[in-house]
Protein backbone atom coordinates (compact mmCIF):
# COMPACT_ATOMS: atom_id res chain seq x y z
CA UNK A 1 -18.08 232.11 102.51
CA UNK A 2 -18.01 232.91 98.80
CA UNK A 3 -17.83 236.57 99.79
CA UNK A 4 -14.24 236.05 100.90
CA UNK A 5 -12.91 234.00 97.96
CA UNK A 6 -11.00 235.49 95.05
CA UNK A 7 -8.25 234.57 92.64
CA UNK A 8 -4.75 234.16 94.01
CA UNK A 9 -2.94 237.38 93.10
CA UNK A 10 -0.63 238.56 95.89
CA UNK A 11 -0.15 242.10 94.57
CA UNK A 12 -0.25 245.51 96.20
CA UNK A 13 -3.84 246.72 96.11
CA UNK A 14 -3.57 250.17 94.56
CA UNK A 15 -7.33 250.72 94.75
CA UNK A 16 -7.66 250.20 98.49
CA UNK A 17 -4.29 251.64 99.50
CA UNK A 18 -3.24 248.53 101.47
CA UNK A 19 0.48 247.78 101.29
CA UNK A 20 2.27 244.52 102.00
CA UNK A 21 4.12 244.73 105.29
CA UNK A 22 5.01 241.09 105.76
CA UNK A 23 5.89 238.78 102.90
CA UNK A 24 6.91 235.38 104.32
CA UNK A 25 10.36 234.04 103.55
CA UNK A 26 9.34 230.36 103.78
CA UNK A 27 5.54 230.08 103.91
CA UNK A 28 3.52 230.14 100.67
CA UNK A 29 0.04 230.29 102.16
CA UNK A 30 -0.27 233.81 103.58
CA UNK A 31 0.92 237.39 103.60
CA UNK A 32 -0.05 240.54 105.50
CA UNK A 33 -1.05 244.02 104.36
CA UNK A 34 -1.92 247.17 106.25
CA UNK A 35 -3.30 250.66 105.78
CA UNK A 36 -2.87 252.79 108.85
CA UNK A 37 -3.88 250.59 111.78
CA UNK A 38 -6.09 248.32 109.63
CA UNK A 39 -4.55 245.00 108.65
CA UNK A 40 -5.46 242.47 106.00
CA UNK A 41 -4.47 238.79 106.17
CA UNK A 42 -4.44 236.87 102.89
CA UNK A 43 -4.74 233.07 103.13
CA UNK A 44 -4.32 230.96 100.00
CA UNK A 45 -5.81 227.54 99.20
CA UNK A 46 -6.73 226.68 102.81
CA UNK A 47 -7.40 222.96 102.29
CA UNK A 48 -6.29 220.07 100.11
CA UNK A 49 -7.70 220.30 96.61
CA UNK A 50 -8.37 224.04 96.80
CA UNK A 51 -7.08 225.90 93.75
CA UNK A 52 -6.84 229.63 93.03
CA UNK A 53 -8.67 230.39 96.26
CA UNK A 54 -7.93 233.31 98.54
CA UNK A 55 -9.52 234.17 101.87
CA UNK A 56 -9.32 237.75 103.11
CA UNK A 57 -9.51 238.66 106.78
CA UNK A 58 -9.75 242.26 107.95
CA UNK A 59 -8.15 242.88 111.34
CA UNK A 60 -9.93 245.94 112.70
CA UNK A 61 -8.82 247.75 115.89
CA UNK A 62 -11.25 246.94 118.67
CA UNK A 63 -12.18 250.56 119.35
CA UNK A 64 -13.47 250.89 115.78
CA UNK A 65 -15.06 247.47 115.53
CA UNK A 66 -18.81 246.77 115.58
CA UNK A 67 -20.77 243.54 115.26
CA UNK A 68 -22.52 244.63 112.07
CA UNK A 69 -19.27 244.25 110.12
CA UNK A 70 -19.02 241.17 107.86
CA UNK A 71 -17.80 237.97 109.53
CA UNK A 72 -14.38 238.21 107.89
CA UNK A 73 -13.68 241.28 110.06
CA UNK A 74 -11.95 240.41 113.35
CA UNK A 75 -11.60 242.70 116.39
CA UNK A 76 -7.96 243.04 117.45
CA UNK A 77 -6.17 242.54 119.68
CA UNK A 78 -7.98 239.25 120.23
CA UNK A 79 -9.14 238.63 123.79
CA UNK A 80 -10.83 235.24 123.38
CA UNK A 81 -9.92 232.58 120.82
CA UNK A 82 -10.91 229.02 119.98
CA UNK A 83 -8.22 226.76 118.46
CA UNK A 84 -9.22 223.79 116.32
CA UNK A 85 -5.63 222.57 115.87
CA UNK A 86 -2.92 221.99 118.45
CA UNK A 87 -0.49 223.90 116.21
CA UNK A 88 -2.69 226.99 116.68
CA UNK A 89 -2.21 226.62 120.43
CA UNK A 90 1.55 226.58 119.89
CA UNK A 91 1.45 229.71 117.70
CA UNK A 92 -0.51 231.63 120.34
CA UNK A 93 1.56 230.29 123.23
CA UNK A 94 4.87 231.23 121.63
CA UNK A 95 3.85 234.92 121.68
CA UNK A 96 2.74 234.70 125.31
CA UNK A 97 -1.01 234.83 124.69
CA UNK A 98 -2.14 231.33 125.74
CA UNK A 99 -4.37 232.94 128.38
CA UNK A 100 -6.66 234.16 125.57
CA UNK A 101 -7.54 230.59 124.50
CA UNK A 102 -11.09 229.86 125.63
CA UNK A 103 -11.81 226.71 123.62
CA UNK A 104 -9.93 223.84 122.00
CA UNK A 105 -10.69 220.89 119.80
CA UNK A 106 -9.75 217.41 121.01
CA UNK A 107 -8.56 218.07 124.56
CA UNK A 108 -7.08 214.56 124.76
CA UNK A 109 -4.49 215.45 122.13
CA UNK A 110 -3.19 218.59 123.85
CA UNK A 111 0.18 218.67 125.64
CA UNK A 112 0.43 222.35 126.66
CA UNK A 113 0.55 222.30 130.51
CA UNK A 114 -1.13 225.68 130.99
CA UNK A 115 -4.03 224.76 128.71
CA UNK A 116 -4.43 221.38 130.44
CA UNK A 117 -4.61 223.11 133.83
CA UNK A 118 -7.22 225.54 132.58
CA UNK A 119 -9.20 222.67 131.04
CA UNK A 120 -9.19 220.92 134.41
CA UNK A 121 -10.48 224.11 136.07
CA UNK A 122 -13.18 224.58 133.43
CA UNK A 123 -11.62 227.81 132.16
CA UNK A 124 -11.11 226.27 128.71
CA UNK A 125 -13.79 224.16 127.01
CA UNK A 126 -13.45 221.28 124.58
CA UNK A 127 -15.62 222.17 121.57
CA UNK A 128 -15.53 218.80 119.79
CA UNK A 129 -13.56 217.54 116.84
CA UNK A 130 -13.52 218.26 113.09
CA UNK A 131 -17.03 218.03 111.56
CA UNK A 132 -18.47 217.05 114.98
CA UNK A 133 -17.78 220.46 116.47
CA UNK A 134 -20.34 221.80 118.92
CA UNK A 135 -21.33 225.14 117.44
CA UNK A 136 -23.46 225.77 120.52
CA UNK A 137 -20.48 225.35 122.86
CA UNK A 138 -18.42 227.70 120.71
CA UNK A 139 -21.24 230.26 120.78
CA UNK A 140 -21.37 230.15 124.59
CA UNK A 141 -17.65 230.96 124.71
CA UNK A 142 -18.22 234.15 122.70
CA UNK A 143 -14.82 234.09 120.99
CA UNK A 144 -13.46 236.97 118.96
CA UNK A 145 -12.15 234.39 116.50
CA UNK A 146 -12.08 230.67 115.82
CA UNK A 147 -8.81 229.53 114.27
CA UNK A 148 -9.72 226.63 111.97
CA UNK A 149 -8.19 224.32 109.40
CA UNK A 150 -9.79 222.37 106.59
CA UNK A 151 -8.68 218.94 105.41
CA UNK A 152 -11.19 219.34 102.59
CA UNK A 153 -14.18 221.54 101.82
CA UNK A 154 -16.43 219.61 104.24
CA UNK A 155 -15.52 222.10 106.96
CA UNK A 156 -17.16 224.83 104.89
CA UNK A 157 -20.60 223.64 106.08
CA UNK A 158 -19.51 223.94 109.73
CA UNK A 159 -17.95 227.32 109.05
CA UNK A 160 -21.14 228.47 107.36
CA UNK A 161 -23.16 227.54 110.43
CA UNK A 162 -20.75 229.37 112.73
CA UNK A 163 -20.79 232.44 110.49
CA UNK A 164 -24.58 232.35 110.53
CA UNK A 165 -24.39 232.56 114.32
CA UNK A 166 -22.15 235.61 114.07
CA UNK A 167 -18.99 233.66 114.99
CA UNK A 168 -15.89 234.72 113.09
CA UNK A 169 -13.74 231.91 111.68
CA UNK A 170 -10.21 232.23 110.28
CA UNK A 171 -8.70 229.40 108.27
CA UNK A 172 -4.97 228.78 108.69
CA UNK A 173 -3.25 226.58 106.11
CA UNK A 174 -0.04 225.86 108.00
CA UNK A 175 -0.37 222.09 107.68
CA UNK A 176 -0.24 222.39 103.88
CA UNK A 177 3.14 224.10 103.75
CA UNK A 178 5.97 222.25 102.01
CA UNK A 179 8.60 222.87 104.70
CA UNK A 180 8.62 222.89 108.49
CA UNK A 181 9.91 226.46 108.43
CA UNK A 182 6.94 227.39 106.26
CA UNK A 183 4.64 225.89 108.87
CA UNK A 184 6.40 227.67 111.72
CA UNK A 185 6.19 231.04 109.98
CA UNK A 186 2.43 231.08 110.63
CA UNK A 187 3.33 232.30 114.09
CA UNK A 188 3.63 235.71 112.41
CA UNK A 189 0.16 235.45 110.85
CA UNK A 190 -1.36 234.56 114.23
CA UNK A 191 0.63 237.28 116.01
CA UNK A 192 -1.05 239.88 113.77
CA UNK A 193 -4.32 239.20 115.64
CA UNK A 194 -2.57 240.35 118.83
CA UNK A 195 -0.48 243.21 117.47
CA UNK A 196 2.67 241.22 118.24
CA UNK A 197 4.07 240.69 114.77
CA UNK A 198 7.47 242.22 115.57
CA UNK A 199 8.04 239.79 118.44
CA UNK A 200 6.94 236.85 116.27
CA UNK A 201 9.17 237.95 113.39
CA UNK A 202 12.19 238.13 115.71
CA UNK A 203 11.38 234.73 117.16
CA UNK A 204 10.89 233.13 113.77
CA UNK A 205 14.13 234.66 112.46
CA UNK A 206 16.03 233.06 115.34
CA UNK A 207 14.37 229.69 114.72
CA UNK A 208 15.08 229.82 110.97
CA UNK A 209 18.72 230.82 111.49
CA UNK A 210 19.25 228.03 114.01
CA UNK A 211 17.56 225.55 111.67
CA UNK A 212 19.82 226.50 108.77
CA UNK A 213 22.94 226.19 110.95
CA UNK A 214 21.93 222.69 112.04
CA UNK A 215 21.00 221.67 108.49
CA UNK A 216 24.31 222.94 107.14
CA UNK A 217 26.24 220.67 109.49
CA UNK A 218 24.04 217.68 108.64
CA UNK A 219 24.32 218.18 104.88
CA UNK A 220 28.11 218.18 105.20
CA UNK A 221 28.12 214.75 106.88
CA UNK A 222 30.20 212.08 105.17
CA UNK A 223 27.30 209.61 104.98
CA UNK A 224 23.61 209.99 104.10
CA UNK A 225 21.75 207.02 105.64
CA UNK A 226 18.55 205.69 104.10
CA UNK A 227 15.28 205.91 106.01
CA UNK A 228 11.97 204.06 105.78
CA UNK A 229 8.97 206.09 106.95
CA UNK A 230 5.70 205.15 108.68
CA UNK A 231 4.16 201.66 109.04
CA UNK A 232 1.16 199.77 107.63
CA UNK A 233 -2.31 201.14 108.23
CA UNK A 234 -5.09 198.65 107.41
CA UNK A 235 -2.80 196.64 105.13
CA UNK A 236 -1.55 199.72 103.29
CA UNK A 237 1.78 201.45 103.80
CA UNK A 238 1.76 205.18 103.02
CA UNK A 239 5.00 206.77 101.85
CA UNK A 240 5.52 210.56 101.80
CA UNK A 241 5.80 212.24 98.42
CA UNK A 242 9.05 213.74 97.19
CA UNK A 243 7.61 217.25 97.59
CA UNK A 244 6.26 216.53 101.07
CA UNK A 245 7.63 218.62 103.94
CA UNK A 246 8.78 215.44 105.67
CA UNK A 247 11.12 214.56 102.82
CA UNK A 248 12.63 218.04 102.99
CA UNK A 249 13.05 217.70 106.77
CA UNK A 250 14.78 214.32 106.49
CA UNK A 251 17.02 215.66 103.72
CA UNK A 252 17.99 218.66 105.86
CA UNK A 253 18.89 216.18 108.62
CA UNK A 254 21.38 214.50 106.29
CA UNK A 255 19.43 211.38 105.30
CA UNK A 256 17.35 210.00 102.41
CA UNK A 257 13.87 208.48 102.42
CA UNK A 258 13.49 205.24 100.46
CA UNK A 259 10.40 204.52 98.37
CA UNK A 260 9.66 208.12 97.45
CA UNK A 261 7.16 208.92 94.72
CA UNK A 262 6.67 212.25 92.95
CA UNK A 263 4.22 214.81 94.29
CA UNK A 264 3.35 216.15 97.73
CA UNK A 265 0.71 213.69 98.87
CA UNK A 266 1.47 210.32 100.47
CA UNK A 267 1.47 207.30 98.17
CA UNK A 268 -0.16 204.00 99.22
CA UNK A 269 2.03 200.93 98.72
CA UNK A 270 1.36 197.26 99.25
CA UNK A 271 3.11 195.64 102.21
CA UNK A 272 5.23 193.60 99.82
CA UNK A 273 6.56 196.64 97.97
CA UNK A 274 7.08 198.63 101.15
CA UNK A 275 8.94 195.71 102.70
CA UNK A 276 11.42 195.81 99.83
CA UNK A 277 12.18 199.44 100.64
CA UNK A 278 12.40 198.63 104.35
CA UNK A 279 15.13 196.10 103.59
CA UNK A 280 17.15 198.91 102.01
CA UNK A 281 16.84 201.31 104.95
CA UNK A 282 19.32 201.95 107.74
CA UNK A 283 16.74 203.72 109.93
CA UNK A 284 12.99 203.50 110.47
CA UNK A 285 10.98 206.54 111.56
CA UNK A 286 7.36 207.17 112.62
CA UNK A 287 6.11 203.56 112.78
CA UNK A 288 2.56 204.73 113.49
CA UNK A 289 1.48 203.99 117.08
CA UNK A 290 4.10 201.28 117.69
CA UNK A 291 6.36 202.09 120.62
CA UNK A 292 8.26 198.81 121.18
CA UNK A 293 10.12 196.35 118.97
CA UNK A 294 7.90 193.58 120.32
CA UNK A 295 4.78 195.35 119.10
CA UNK A 296 6.27 195.69 115.64
CA UNK A 297 7.35 192.07 115.45
CA UNK A 298 3.95 190.91 116.69
CA UNK A 299 2.23 192.95 113.99
CA UNK A 300 4.33 191.35 111.22
CA UNK A 301 7.22 188.96 111.81
CA UNK A 302 8.95 190.20 108.63
CA UNK A 303 9.66 193.52 110.35
CA UNK A 304 12.14 191.77 112.65
CA UNK A 305 14.29 190.92 109.62
CA UNK A 306 14.77 194.52 108.48
CA UNK A 307 18.18 196.15 109.02
CA UNK A 308 16.68 198.94 111.12
CA UNK A 309 15.03 196.41 113.44
CA UNK A 310 18.10 194.22 113.91
CA UNK A 311 20.26 197.27 114.64
CA UNK A 312 17.54 198.86 116.82
CA UNK A 313 17.55 202.03 114.76
CA UNK A 314 13.79 202.61 114.93
CA UNK A 315 12.53 205.91 116.31
CA UNK A 316 9.08 207.36 116.81
CA UNK A 317 7.97 210.95 117.50
CA UNK A 318 6.16 209.81 120.64
CA UNK A 319 8.53 210.85 123.41
CA UNK A 320 6.03 213.48 124.59
CA UNK A 321 2.73 211.64 124.20
CA UNK A 322 -0.61 212.31 125.89
CA UNK A 323 -2.79 209.51 127.29
CA UNK A 324 -5.22 210.26 124.47
CA UNK A 325 -2.58 209.69 121.81
CA UNK A 326 -1.61 213.29 121.07
CA UNK A 327 2.03 214.04 120.38
CA UNK A 328 3.80 217.28 121.23
CA UNK A 329 5.69 216.76 117.97
CA UNK A 330 2.60 218.18 116.24
CA UNK A 331 2.03 220.89 118.86
CA UNK A 332 5.11 222.68 120.16
CA UNK A 333 7.13 221.02 117.41
CA UNK A 334 5.28 223.32 114.99
CA UNK A 335 7.11 226.34 116.41
CA UNK A 336 10.37 224.52 117.17
CA UNK A 337 11.36 222.96 113.82
CA UNK A 338 14.98 223.61 114.71
CA UNK A 339 14.66 221.33 117.74
CA UNK A 340 12.90 218.67 115.65
CA UNK A 341 15.74 218.87 113.13
CA UNK A 342 18.38 218.62 115.85
CA UNK A 343 16.67 215.48 117.16
CA UNK A 344 16.89 213.91 113.71
CA UNK A 345 20.51 214.90 113.21
CA UNK A 346 21.32 213.38 116.60
CA UNK A 347 19.67 210.15 115.40
CA UNK A 348 21.28 209.97 111.94
CA UNK A 349 24.66 211.53 112.81
CA UNK A 350 25.31 211.03 116.55
CA UNK A 351 28.75 212.64 116.40
CA UNK A 352 27.50 216.05 115.21
CA UNK A 353 25.55 216.92 118.38
CA UNK A 354 26.67 214.25 120.86
CA UNK A 355 25.39 216.16 123.91
CA UNK A 356 21.89 216.72 122.55
CA UNK A 357 19.15 214.76 124.31
CA UNK A 358 16.15 213.83 122.20
CA UNK A 359 13.12 216.04 122.81
CA UNK A 360 10.42 214.70 120.50
CA UNK A 361 11.77 211.28 119.48
CA UNK A 362 12.31 208.04 121.36
CA UNK A 363 14.12 204.87 120.35
CA UNK A 364 12.04 201.71 120.28
CA UNK A 365 13.29 199.03 122.66
C-alpha cells in the first residue's frame, strides 16, 4: 500500500499532464483529475489518525485495462463492486447502478430494498464485517473494485491481503468529513467509476441548494433550542465535538448542542456531568438504541426528570430500522442530507415545515 501514499498536495500535476476536473465544494477528502479518458482520484487521510497521507487511484477505460497493472488501477466503468459501508451502497444507488453491487458487508444493517431482494436470491453475497472480512468470498465474486473505509490503520492488513490476491480496493473517507454535505459529495467520487460524474454533480447541486434553503429558514427562527445528544454507553456518555459534523447539522437546523467540547472527536463524560447538561436541554436526540420512554427510565430513573423527557421531546434516528439494528439514517441519509435536515427543522421548529412528515426520525413514546 505504501506505493500509493504521498504527501497531501492537491496541485495540478504538470509532469503527468493530469488536470483537475472536479474540485469539491464541500468535501475535503477527495478531488478528481483527468488526462484524456484517464482519470485520477485523490483520497486524503482515509482513516482517523492519518496525517499527510494521499491515496491515488487510476481509473482506466476497460478496453485499455489489463490485469498486470498495479492494484491502484481500476477498470471503468465498473461492472461488479463490493461495498463495505452502507453509505457506499447509497452512493452507487443514487446514480442508478445498484445492480453492479455483488457483495456487501453486514447484510443485517442494510435497508436498500433492491439489495435485500438480491441478497435473498443469492445474487449478492455478505462478505463479513470490518477486520473479519472473508477475503475468499470476495475473491469468488471477482469484483472490479472493493469500496472500503478504515476506522484506523488496522484495515491496512486486510487490504494488503486483498491486494495480494489481485483484488483492487479503494478507500473512501466520507465518514470523516466535517459536514453532511461533504459526506454526500462523495457521490461524485463514486460516480467517476461509472462515467456518471455529470449526473452526480447535478444531483448533488440540487441536494446542496435544497439544504441551504432549509438551513436559511431554520437559522432565521426566533428561538434556538438546546439539545442533548446520545446516551450512556457502558457508564460513559459521549458528546460530539464542536467541529463534528453533527454539531454543524444541528446548528443548521436552528438549535444548539449542550456540553460541547473543542475538536472533532467525541468527548467521554461521566453520567453526572452529562446529566447536568441534560437538565439544560429542551430536546434529546439519538439516545443510542432506546426507542421508548420506558426503556430510558428503566435504564436510569434520573432521565425521567429531564426537561426533554417530561415534555416528550426525545427523538431517535430509528424510524427506518432493520431487524439487525441498521438504520437508513446512515445509508440513504448519506445522500439525502437535505431530508435529514428537514426532519430536524420539523422537530425543533414545527411551524417552519408543518406539513413535513418525519422520514428518518421518530419520537419516543
